[in-house]
């Protein structure tokens, strides 16, 4: 889907899980995600922690 006026935007939440190491601090963190793609297929993603 491309062309004038075409694009997509969605939001979601994600739950991170890691076994060990540096990423283990993300265990049980809830992340909020916003994604947007414009009519020229340029994308933007934003992720932040829900506290």
N, C-alpha and C. Protein backbone atom coordinates (compact mmCIF):
# COMPACT_ATOMS: atom_id res chain seq x y z
N UNK A 1 0.83 -1.17 0.00
CA UNK A 1 0.00 0.00 0.00
C UNK A 1 0.88 1.24 0.00
N UNK A 2 0.96 1.89 -1.11
CA UNK A 2 1.65 3.16 -1.19
C UNK A 2 0.80 4.11 -2.01
N UNK A 3 1.14 5.37 -1.95
CA UNK A 3 0.41 6.36 -2.73
C UNK A 3 -0.13 7.45 -1.84
N UNK A 4 -0.62 8.50 -2.45
CA UNK A 4 -1.12 9.66 -1.71
C UNK A 4 -2.22 9.26 -0.74
N UNK A 5 -2.04 9.67 0.49
CA UNK A 5 -3.04 9.40 1.51
C UNK A 5 -2.95 8.02 2.13
N UNK A 6 -2.03 7.19 1.65
CA UNK A 6 -1.92 5.83 2.18
C UNK A 6 -0.85 5.80 3.27
N UNK A 7 -1.08 5.09 4.30
CA UNK A 7 -0.14 4.94 5.40
C UNK A 7 -0.78 4.08 6.47
N UNK A 8 -0.01 3.81 7.51
CA UNK A 8 -0.53 3.00 8.61
C UNK A 8 0.05 3.50 9.92
N UNK A 9 -0.74 3.37 10.96
CA UNK A 9 -0.30 3.73 12.30
C UNK A 9 -0.93 2.73 13.27
N UNK A 10 -0.11 2.19 14.17
CA UNK A 10 -0.63 1.27 15.17
C UNK A 10 0.14 1.40 16.47
N UNK A 11 -0.47 0.93 17.53
CA UNK A 11 0.13 0.93 18.86
C UNK A 11 0.00 -0.47 19.45
N UNK A 12 0.93 -0.81 20.34
CA UNK A 12 0.90 -2.12 20.99
C UNK A 12 1.68 -2.04 22.29
N UNK A 13 1.56 -3.09 23.08
CA UNK A 13 2.41 -3.22 24.26
C UNK A 13 3.18 -4.52 24.14
N UNK A 14 4.40 -4.52 24.69
CA UNK A 14 5.27 -5.69 24.63
C UNK A 14 5.81 -5.99 26.02
N UNK A 15 6.04 -7.27 26.28
CA UNK A 15 6.63 -7.72 27.54
C UNK A 15 7.96 -8.36 27.21
N UNK A 16 9.03 -7.85 27.80
CA UNK A 16 10.37 -8.35 27.52
C UNK A 16 10.73 -9.48 28.48
N UNK A 17 11.46 -10.48 27.97
CA UNK A 17 11.96 -11.58 28.78
C UNK A 17 13.37 -11.93 28.32
N UNK A 18 14.28 -12.04 29.27
CA UNK A 18 15.66 -12.41 28.96
C UNK A 18 16.13 -13.42 30.01
N UNK A 19 17.00 -14.32 29.62
CA UNK A 19 17.47 -15.35 30.56
C UNK A 19 18.48 -14.79 31.56
N UNK A 20 19.47 -14.08 31.08
CA UNK A 20 20.51 -13.56 31.96
C UNK A 20 21.30 -12.50 31.20
N UNK A 21 22.26 -11.92 31.88
CA UNK A 21 23.11 -10.93 31.24
C UNK A 21 22.54 -9.54 31.29
N UNK A 22 23.05 -8.68 30.42
CA UNK A 22 22.68 -7.27 30.42
C UNK A 22 21.20 -7.03 30.19
N UNK A 23 20.56 -7.89 29.39
CA UNK A 23 19.15 -7.67 29.09
C UNK A 23 18.20 -8.18 30.16
N UNK A 24 18.72 -8.90 31.16
CA UNK A 24 17.86 -9.45 32.21
C UNK A 24 17.11 -8.35 32.96
N UNK A 25 17.64 -7.14 32.99
CA UNK A 25 16.95 -6.04 33.69
C UNK A 25 15.62 -5.70 33.03
N UNK A 26 15.42 -6.18 31.79
CA UNK A 26 14.16 -5.92 31.10
C UNK A 26 13.05 -6.91 31.46
N UNK A 27 13.40 -7.94 32.23
CA UNK A 27 12.38 -8.92 32.63
C UNK A 27 11.21 -8.23 33.31
N UNK A 28 10.04 -8.58 32.88
CA UNK A 28 8.78 -8.04 33.43
C UNK A 28 8.60 -6.54 33.20
N UNK A 29 9.33 -5.98 32.26
CA UNK A 29 9.11 -4.58 31.88
C UNK A 29 8.04 -4.56 30.79
N UNK A 30 7.09 -3.67 30.93
CA UNK A 30 6.06 -3.50 29.91
C UNK A 30 6.44 -2.32 29.04
N UNK A 31 6.58 -2.55 27.75
CA UNK A 31 6.93 -1.50 26.82
C UNK A 31 5.75 -1.11 25.96
N UNK A 32 5.58 0.17 25.74
CA UNK A 32 4.54 0.68 24.86
C UNK A 32 5.20 1.02 23.52
N UNK A 33 4.55 0.65 22.42
CA UNK A 33 5.11 0.82 21.08
C UNK A 33 4.13 1.63 20.23
N UNK A 34 4.67 2.59 19.49
CA UNK A 34 3.90 3.29 18.45
C UNK A 34 4.65 3.14 17.14
N UNK A 35 3.95 2.73 16.09
CA UNK A 35 4.55 2.58 14.76
C UNK A 35 3.76 3.41 13.78
N UNK A 36 4.48 4.05 12.86
CA UNK A 36 3.83 4.84 11.81
C UNK A 36 4.60 4.69 10.51
N UNK A 37 3.88 4.43 9.43
CA UNK A 37 4.45 4.41 8.08
C UNK A 37 3.66 5.40 7.24
N UNK A 38 4.37 6.32 6.57
CA UNK A 38 3.67 7.32 5.76
C UNK A 38 3.51 6.85 4.32
N UNK A 39 2.94 7.69 3.49
CA UNK A 39 2.65 7.32 2.09
C UNK A 39 3.91 7.09 1.27
N UNK A 40 5.07 7.51 1.77
CA UNK A 40 6.34 7.30 1.06
C UNK A 40 7.14 6.15 1.65
N UNK A 41 6.49 5.36 2.52
CA UNK A 41 7.07 4.20 3.19
C UNK A 41 8.17 4.55 4.18
N UNK A 42 8.18 5.80 4.67
CA UNK A 42 9.08 6.18 5.76
C UNK A 42 8.45 5.68 7.06
N UNK A 43 9.25 5.04 7.90
CA UNK A 43 8.71 4.49 9.14
C UNK A 43 9.33 5.15 10.36
N UNK A 44 8.53 5.19 11.40
CA UNK A 44 8.97 5.69 12.70
C UNK A 44 8.44 4.74 13.76
N UNK A 45 9.31 4.32 14.66
CA UNK A 45 8.91 3.48 15.79
C UNK A 45 9.36 4.15 17.08
N UNK A 46 8.48 4.17 18.05
CA UNK A 46 8.81 4.71 19.37
C UNK A 46 8.45 3.64 20.40
N UNK A 47 9.37 3.40 21.35
CA UNK A 47 9.13 2.44 22.41
C UNK A 47 9.51 3.10 23.74
N UNK A 48 8.65 2.98 24.73
CA UNK A 48 8.98 3.49 26.04
C UNK A 48 8.42 2.56 27.11
N UNK A 49 9.00 2.67 28.31
CA UNK A 49 8.59 1.81 29.42
C UNK A 49 7.35 2.37 30.09
N UNK A 50 6.38 1.49 30.34
CA UNK A 50 5.18 1.86 31.07
C UNK A 50 5.49 1.70 32.55
N UNK A 51 5.35 2.76 33.32
CA UNK A 51 5.63 2.71 34.76
C UNK A 51 4.39 2.94 35.55
